[in-house]
Amino acid sequence: MAIEGVEQPEILEINETLRLRRYDGAADFAFAWYQDPELVYLVDGVKRPYDRETLYNMYDYLDQHGELYFIEARAGEGFAPIGDVAFSRTDLPIVIGVPEYRGRGVGRQVIQTLMDRGRQLGFPTLGVREIYDFNIASIRCFTACGFAPVARTDKGWRYEAKL
């Protein structure tokens, strides 16, 4: 139970073509996403690709401190993972790992779905621990969803949205 007293759903439907699937400990398919130095730079502020241990340590940490999901898009009769997102009151790290899905509004739909979840759970606000100043796509995504900068960090800003 990552959020105390809250049952994490197996699936959160976004629409007929997108959904969030609960992390189940299997993530080898995501390894390729974190080999892209530019993606890692936007996430961590360094251009050092992950090894498998780093990937699983990250996922284990996020799973223990909130709800961790894979973002999945319809692929034929089923769904295929295209990214990941973690949900807690104080952070919403999101990665669209498959480049073809970037810049298509997927992140915004995911964030709006998790904002709805926060409202259902009675959260007054949701926060993002840090968005780097150079991560323009994330800044645009979160501000379009109603998040605003609330405190300066070393490389960017912490953001918050009232629910």
Protein backbone atom coordinates (compact mmCIF):
# COMPACT_ATOMS: atom_id res chain seq x y z
CA MET A 1 0.00 0.00 0.00
CA ALA A 2 1.94 3.00 -1.30
CA ILE A 3 -0.51 5.68 -0.15
CA GLU A 4 -1.49 4.75 3.36
CA GLY A 5 -5.06 3.58 3.62
CA VAL A 6 -5.65 3.77 -0.15
CA GLU A 7 -6.13 0.82 -2.48
CA GLN A 8 -4.31 1.37 -5.77
CA PRO A 9 -6.37 0.30 -8.79
CA GLU A 10 -4.90 -2.15 -11.29
CA ILE A 11 -6.10 0.01 -14.21
CA LEU A 12 -7.06 3.67 -14.48
CA GLU A 13 -8.88 4.27 -17.75
CA ILE A 14 -8.07 7.57 -19.44
CA ASN A 15 -10.03 7.00 -22.66
CA GLU A 16 -10.49 4.24 -25.22
CA THR A 17 -6.87 4.54 -26.42
CA LEU A 18 -4.96 5.35 -23.20
CA ARG A 19 -4.83 3.86 -19.74
CA LEU A 20 -2.61 3.60 -16.68
CA ARG A 21 -1.61 0.10 -15.52
CA ARG A 22 -0.31 -0.49 -12.02
CA TYR A 23 3.40 -1.32 -11.75
CA ASP A 24 3.83 -5.05 -11.21
CA GLY A 25 7.61 -5.36 -10.82
CA ALA A 26 8.28 -6.13 -14.49
CA ALA A 27 9.91 -3.26 -16.37
CA ASP A 28 12.58 -4.59 -18.73
CA PHE A 29 10.70 -3.05 -21.67
CA ALA A 30 11.26 0.41 -20.10
CA PHE A 31 15.04 0.01 -20.05
CA ALA A 32 15.33 1.37 -23.62
CA TRP A 33 13.55 4.59 -22.63
CA TYR A 34 16.18 5.38 -20.02
CA GLN A 35 19.05 4.78 -22.46
CA ASP A 36 18.22 8.08 -24.18
CA PRO A 37 20.61 10.68 -22.66
CA GLU A 38 18.28 13.56 -23.60
CA LEU A 39 15.31 11.96 -21.84
CA VAL A 40 17.42 11.22 -18.75
CA TYR A 41 18.64 14.83 -18.79
CA LEU A 42 15.05 16.11 -18.66
CA VAL A 43 14.27 13.72 -15.78
CA ASP A 44 17.47 13.83 -13.71
CA GLY A 45 19.45 16.82 -15.00
CA VAL A 46 22.35 14.59 -16.12
CA LYS A 47 22.96 12.81 -19.42
CA ARG A 48 23.89 9.44 -17.93
CA PRO A 49 21.77 6.51 -19.18
CA TYR A 50 20.39 4.14 -16.55
CA ASP A 51 21.64 0.64 -15.95
CA ARG A 52 19.05 -1.98 -14.99
CA GLU A 53 19.79 -1.65 -11.29
CA THR A 54 19.16 2.11 -11.40
CA LEU A 55 15.93 1.58 -13.34
CA TYR A 56 14.56 -0.95 -10.86
CA ASN A 57 15.75 1.07 -7.84
CA MET A 58 13.87 4.09 -9.22
CA TYR A 59 10.70 2.08 -9.82
CA ASP A 60 10.89 0.42 -6.40
CA TYR A 61 11.31 3.81 -4.71
CA LEU A 62 8.41 5.38 -6.61
CA ASP A 63 6.21 2.34 -5.94
CA GLN A 64 6.92 2.56 -2.21
CA HIS A 65 6.23 6.31 -2.03
CA GLY A 66 3.07 6.61 -4.10
CA GLU A 67 1.21 4.87 -6.88
CA LEU A 68 3.36 3.86 -9.84
CA TYR A 69 1.79 3.25 -13.24
CA PHE A 70 2.85 2.48 -16.78
CA ILE A 71 1.15 4.63 -19.38
CA GLU A 72 -0.26 2.34 -22.04
CA ALA A 73 -1.63 3.06 -25.52
CA ARG A 74 -3.92 0.85 -27.53
CA ALA A 75 -1.97 -1.44 -29.84
CA GLY A 76 -4.17 -3.72 -31.91
CA GLU A 77 -6.40 -5.74 -29.59
CA GLY A 78 -4.40 -4.87 -26.47
CA PHE A 79 -2.26 -2.14 -24.94
CA ALA A 80 1.48 -1.43 -25.02
CA PRO A 81 3.52 0.58 -22.52
CA ILE A 82 4.69 4.00 -23.75
CA GLY A 83 5.76 5.69 -20.53
CA ASP A 84 5.50 5.83 -16.77
CA VAL A 85 4.08 8.11 -14.11
CA ALA A 86 4.07 8.13 -10.32
CA PHE A 87 1.28 9.67 -8.26
CA SER A 88 1.57 11.12 -4.77
CA ARG A 89 0.41 14.34 -3.13
CA THR A 90 3.86 15.89 -3.48
CA ASP A 91 5.18 14.63 -6.80
CA LEU A 92 4.00 13.48 -10.24
CA PRO A 93 7.06 12.45 -12.24
CA ILE A 94 6.06 11.47 -15.75
CA VAL A 95 8.03 10.12 -18.71
CA ILE A 96 6.74 9.49 -22.20
CA GLY A 97 9.34 6.92 -23.17
CA VAL A 98 8.22 6.20 -26.74
CA PRO A 99 9.16 9.25 -28.84
CA GLU A 100 6.20 8.91 -31.24
CA TYR A 101 3.84 9.73 -28.35
CA ARG A 102 5.60 12.91 -27.22
CA GLY A 103 4.00 16.24 -28.01
CA ARG A 104 0.61 14.62 -28.69
CA GLY A 105 -1.19 15.57 -25.46
CA VAL A 106 -0.64 12.22 -23.74
CA GLY A 107 1.07 13.80 -20.74
CA ARG A 108 -1.74 16.30 -20.28
CA GLN A 109 -4.37 13.52 -20.35
CA VAL A 110 -2.39 11.48 -17.82
CA ILE A 111 -1.94 14.46 -15.46
CA GLN A 112 -5.64 15.38 -15.70
CA THR A 113 -6.60 11.78 -14.89
CA LEU A 114 -4.35 11.81 -11.83
CA MET A 115 -5.72 15.18 -10.75
CA ASP A 116 -9.19 13.59 -10.86
CA ARG A 117 -7.84 10.74 -8.72
CA GLY A 118 -6.46 13.27 -6.24
CA ARG A 119 -9.87 14.96 -6.02
CA GLN A 120 -11.55 11.57 -5.44
CA LEU A 121 -9.10 10.91 -2.60
CA GLY A 122 -9.81 14.32 -1.05
CA PHE A 123 -6.40 15.86 -1.70
CA PRO A 124 -6.57 19.67 -1.53
CA THR A 125 -3.51 20.06 -3.78
CA LEU A 126 -1.04 18.11 -5.89
CA GLY A 127 2.61 19.02 -6.24
CA VAL A 128 5.54 18.42 -8.51
CA ARG A 129 8.83 18.35 -6.62
CA GLU A 130 10.84 19.97 -9.43
CA ILE A 131 10.63 20.79 -13.10
CA TYR A 132 13.93 21.96 -14.51
CA ASP A 133 13.96 25.33 -16.29
CA PHE A 134 15.18 23.64 -19.48
CA ASN A 135 12.31 21.10 -19.55
CA ILE A 136 9.99 23.30 -21.56
CA ALA A 137 7.63 20.45 -22.54
CA SER A 138 6.95 19.54 -18.89
CA ILE A 139 6.50 23.18 -17.90
CA ARG A 140 3.91 23.60 -20.67
CA CYS A 141 2.16 20.34 -19.81
CA PHE A 142 1.81 21.03 -16.09
CA THR A 143 0.89 24.72 -16.44
CA ALA A 144 -1.77 23.78 -19.02
CA CYS A 145 -3.23 21.48 -16.34
CA GLY A 146 -3.39 24.30 -13.78
CA PHE A 147 -0.07 23.88 -11.97
CA ALA A 148 1.82 27.03 -11.02
CA PRO A 149 5.38 27.55 -9.75
CA VAL A 150 5.46 27.93 -5.96
CA ALA A 151 9.12 27.70 -4.92
CA ARG A 152 12.49 28.01 -6.64
CA THR A 153 14.76 24.94 -6.66
CA ASP A 154 18.40 24.62 -7.68
CA LYS A 155 17.60 23.96 -11.37
CA GLY A 156 13.96 24.98 -11.73
CA TRP A 157 10.74 25.30 -9.78
CA ARG A 158 8.46 23.28 -7.57
CA TYR A 159 4.87 23.37 -8.89
CA GLU A 160 1.48 22.97 -7.26
CA ALA A 161 -2.15 22.80 -8.36
CA LYS A 162 -5.20 23.35 -6.22
CA LEU A 163 -7.76 20.63 -6.64
